[in-house]
Amino acid sequence: MAGIRAVVFALCALPAVLLIAGLLQGTLGANPVERLLNGTGSWGLRFLIATLAMTPLRWATGARWVVRLRRQIGLWAFFYAAAHFSVFAVFEHGLGLAAIVSDIAQRPFILVGASALLLLLPLALTSTQGWIRRLGRNWKRLHWLIYPAAILGVVHFFWLIKADRWTEPLIYAGILAVLLGWRVVKRLG
């Protein structure tokens, strides 16, 4: 399992390494901030959906070991979501709190994205074995926050994209609907 975890770690880190290398080499194009925002946001959403896919993957394949990767991939989802917000805060607003708050208040898609990140924060903070023990059954309840966070992430993407470019957010929405729908059917059945 350690070898698989190392491979997953390397694969999850690769987009960040490529974005940082592109930034340092000046190869992110005419608008590197936009490229960083789009890259970190897309990867955050992809890893969030991948996290949600682990349980259905186990149901479909019977491979119980895949759920052991769920927490690691979930932490990467948080990392990319936090990096996405950090790029926004640093490069768009120079860490000016008043400007950040004003932008969040004026643009609903940013409010929805920030809300998703805030829902992911307690999940990342309580992802250790110590927190799992301390919280007991409440740990699972707390980690249900991933569902509204994923929904808000997809909504954030929809509101961000212009109407003629909805293919990608529709794909994410469809995958998320299947993953959440499967859980509902499994729970009711």
Protein backbone atom coordinates (compact mmCIF):
# COMPACT_ATOMS: atom_id res chain seq x y z
CA MET A 1 0.00 0.00 0.00
CA ALA A 2 2.90 2.38 0.70
CA GLY A 3 4.00 2.15 -2.93
CA ILE A 4 0.50 2.97 -4.17
CA ARG A 5 0.28 5.91 -1.77
CA ALA A 6 3.63 7.23 -3.05
CA VAL A 7 2.44 7.00 -6.66
CA VAL A 8 -0.84 8.74 -5.79
CA PHE A 9 1.10 11.45 -3.93
CA ALA A 10 3.37 12.03 -6.94
CA LEU A 11 0.43 12.12 -9.36
CA CYS A 12 -1.49 14.55 -7.16
CA ALA A 13 1.55 16.80 -6.72
CA LEU A 14 2.35 16.86 -10.44
CA PRO A 15 -0.14 19.61 -11.44
CA ALA A 16 1.21 21.89 -8.70
CA VAL A 17 4.79 21.22 -9.75
CA LEU A 18 3.92 22.00 -13.38
CA LEU A 19 2.10 25.21 -12.45
CA ILE A 20 4.97 26.40 -10.25
CA ALA A 21 7.54 25.49 -12.93
CA GLY A 22 5.47 27.34 -15.53
CA LEU A 23 5.28 30.39 -13.29
CA LEU A 24 9.03 30.38 -12.62
CA GLN A 25 9.89 29.80 -16.29
CA GLY A 26 7.36 32.35 -17.54
CA THR A 27 5.52 29.81 -19.69
CA LEU A 28 1.99 30.31 -18.33
CA GLY A 29 1.04 32.62 -21.17
CA ALA A 30 -0.03 36.24 -21.36
CA ASN A 31 -2.07 36.05 -18.15
CA PRO A 32 -0.26 33.77 -15.69
CA VAL A 33 -2.55 34.70 -12.78
CA GLU A 34 -5.59 33.53 -14.71
CA ARG A 35 -3.76 30.32 -15.63
CA LEU A 36 -2.88 29.74 -11.95
CA LEU A 37 -6.46 30.47 -10.87
CA ASN A 38 -7.93 28.14 -13.48
CA GLY A 39 -5.36 25.41 -12.88
CA THR A 40 -5.61 25.31 -9.10
CA GLY A 41 -9.41 25.59 -9.19
CA SER A 42 -9.82 22.83 -11.77
CA TRP A 43 -7.50 20.47 -9.95
CA GLY A 44 -9.19 21.20 -6.64
CA LEU A 45 -12.56 20.24 -8.12
CA ARG A 46 -11.12 17.17 -9.87
CA PHE A 47 -9.57 15.87 -6.67
CA LEU A 48 -12.74 16.63 -4.71
CA ILE A 49 -14.74 14.53 -7.17
CA ALA A 50 -12.03 11.83 -7.13
CA THR A 51 -12.34 11.73 -3.34
CA LEU A 52 -16.07 11.17 -3.66
CA ALA A 53 -15.45 8.46 -6.26
CA MET A 54 -13.45 6.22 -3.92
CA THR A 55 -16.43 4.67 -2.11
CA PRO A 56 -18.43 3.92 -5.28
CA LEU A 57 -15.24 2.52 -6.83
CA ARG A 58 -14.97 0.16 -3.88
CA TRP A 59 -18.64 -0.83 -4.27
CA ALA A 60 -18.18 -1.45 -8.00
CA THR A 61 -14.91 -3.38 -7.77
CA GLY A 62 -14.89 -4.85 -4.28
CA ALA A 63 -11.37 -3.43 -3.87
CA ARG A 64 -11.47 -2.23 -0.27
CA TRP A 65 -7.97 -0.74 -0.45
CA VAL A 66 -9.10 2.16 -2.67
CA VAL A 67 -10.92 3.85 0.21
CA ARG A 68 -7.60 4.11 2.03
CA LEU A 69 -6.61 6.64 -0.62
CA ARG A 70 -9.69 8.79 -0.01
CA ARG A 71 -8.20 10.89 2.78
CA GLN A 72 -4.97 11.52 0.87
CA ILE A 73 -6.82 12.62 -2.26
CA GLY A 74 -9.19 14.72 -0.15
CA LEU A 75 -6.24 16.57 1.36
CA TRP A 76 -4.96 17.27 -2.12
CA ALA A 77 -8.40 18.62 -3.04
CA PHE A 78 -8.15 21.00 -0.07
CA PHE A 79 -4.59 21.94 -1.02
CA TYR A 80 -5.60 22.94 -4.55
CA ALA A 81 -8.75 24.74 -3.34
CA ALA A 82 -6.66 26.65 -0.78
CA ALA A 83 -4.06 27.42 -3.46
CA HIS A 84 -6.87 28.65 -5.71
CA PHE A 85 -8.07 31.06 -3.02
CA SER A 86 -4.48 32.06 -2.22
CA VAL A 87 -3.80 33.00 -5.84
CA PHE A 88 -6.99 35.10 -5.78
CA ALA A 89 -6.05 36.75 -2.47
CA VAL A 90 -2.38 37.38 -3.26
CA PHE A 91 -2.28 38.17 -6.98
CA GLU A 92 -5.70 39.75 -7.42
CA HIS A 93 -5.83 41.70 -4.14
CA GLY A 94 -2.33 41.79 -2.67
CA LEU A 95 -3.72 40.18 0.52
CA GLY A 96 -5.80 43.31 1.16
CA LEU A 97 -8.53 42.01 3.45
CA ALA A 98 -10.98 44.82 2.66
CA ALA A 99 -10.59 44.25 -1.10
CA ILE A 100 -10.98 40.48 -0.71
CA VAL A 101 -14.13 40.82 1.41
CA SER A 102 -15.57 43.42 -0.96
CA ASP A 103 -14.95 41.19 -3.99
CA ILE A 104 -16.52 38.20 -2.24
CA ALA A 105 -19.57 40.29 -1.33
CA GLN A 106 -19.99 41.70 -4.83
CA ARG A 107 -19.50 38.53 -6.88
CA PRO A 108 -21.70 35.59 -5.85
CA PHE A 109 -19.55 32.99 -7.60
CA ILE A 110 -16.62 33.96 -5.37
CA LEU A 111 -18.85 33.75 -2.28
CA VAL A 112 -19.92 30.24 -3.29
CA GLY A 113 -16.30 29.18 -3.92
CA ALA A 114 -15.13 30.65 -0.61
CA SER A 115 -18.00 28.85 1.15
CA ALA A 116 -16.88 25.55 -0.38
CA LEU A 117 -13.34 26.17 0.86
CA LEU A 118 -14.62 26.98 4.36
CA LEU A 119 -16.55 23.69 4.38
CA LEU A 120 -13.39 21.81 3.41
CA LEU A 121 -11.27 23.47 6.11
CA PRO A 122 -12.58 21.43 9.09
CA LEU A 123 -12.25 18.26 7.00
CA ALA A 124 -8.59 18.94 6.35
CA LEU A 125 -7.94 19.91 9.97
CA THR A 126 -9.58 16.73 11.32
CA SER A 127 -8.07 14.28 8.86
CA THR A 128 -5.54 12.81 11.28
CA GLN A 129 -5.93 9.55 13.20
CA GLY A 130 -5.92 11.54 16.44
CA TRP A 131 -8.94 13.58 15.36
CA ILE A 132 -10.72 10.47 14.11
CA ARG A 133 -10.32 8.93 17.57
CA ARG A 134 -11.31 12.13 19.41
CA LEU A 135 -14.42 12.75 17.35
CA GLY A 136 -15.55 9.12 17.16
CA ARG A 137 -18.79 8.79 15.20
CA ASN A 138 -19.01 12.55 14.87
CA TRP A 139 -15.96 12.44 12.59
CA LYS A 140 -18.04 10.76 9.87
CA ARG A 141 -20.86 13.26 10.37
CA LEU A 142 -18.43 16.16 10.10
CA HIS A 143 -16.95 14.73 6.93
CA TRP A 144 -20.37 14.75 5.26
CA LEU A 145 -19.51 18.39 4.61
CA ILE A 146 -17.71 17.13 1.53
CA TYR A 147 -21.08 16.76 -0.21
CA PRO A 148 -22.20 20.40 0.01
CA ALA A 149 -18.60 21.51 -0.62
CA ALA A 150 -18.51 19.54 -3.88
CA ILE A 151 -21.90 20.89 -4.94
CA LEU A 152 -20.77 24.45 -4.18
CA GLY A 153 -17.54 23.81 -6.10
CA VAL A 154 -19.50 22.82 -9.20
CA VAL A 155 -21.86 25.80 -8.78
CA HIS A 156 -18.82 28.09 -8.42
CA PHE A 157 -17.46 26.74 -11.70
CA PHE A 158 -20.82 27.15 -13.49
CA TRP A 159 -21.20 30.75 -12.36
CA LEU A 160 -17.63 31.53 -13.37
CA ILE A 161 -17.91 30.16 -16.92
CA LYS A 162 -19.55 31.98 -19.80
CA ALA A 163 -22.69 30.33 -21.24
CA ASP A 164 -20.94 29.14 -24.40
CA ARG A 165 -18.31 27.12 -22.47
CA TRP A 166 -20.43 24.96 -20.19
CA THR A 167 -19.17 21.60 -21.40
CA GLU A 168 -16.56 21.16 -18.66
CA PRO A 169 -18.75 22.21 -15.71
CA LEU A 170 -21.56 20.04 -17.10
CA ILE A 171 -19.20 17.05 -17.11
CA TYR A 172 -18.27 17.72 -13.48
CA ALA A 173 -21.93 18.20 -12.55
CA GLY A 174 -22.87 14.95 -14.28
CA ILE A 175 -20.14 12.95 -12.55
CA LEU A 176 -21.05 14.49 -9.19
CA ALA A 177 -24.75 13.72 -9.77
CA VAL A 178 -23.91 10.07 -10.51
CA LEU A 179 -21.66 9.77 -7.44
CA LEU A 180 -24.21 11.38 -5.11
CA GLY A 181 -27.15 9.58 -6.71
CA TRP A 182 -25.38 6.24 -6.28
CA ARG A 183 -25.00 6.96 -2.59
CA VAL A 184 -28.69 7.82 -2.24
CA VAL A 185 -29.76 4.65 -4.06
CA LYS A 186 -27.36 2.53 -1.97
CA ARG A 187 -28.63 4.12 1.25
CA LEU A 188 -32.32 3.66 0.36
CA GLY A 189 -31.85 0.18 -1.06
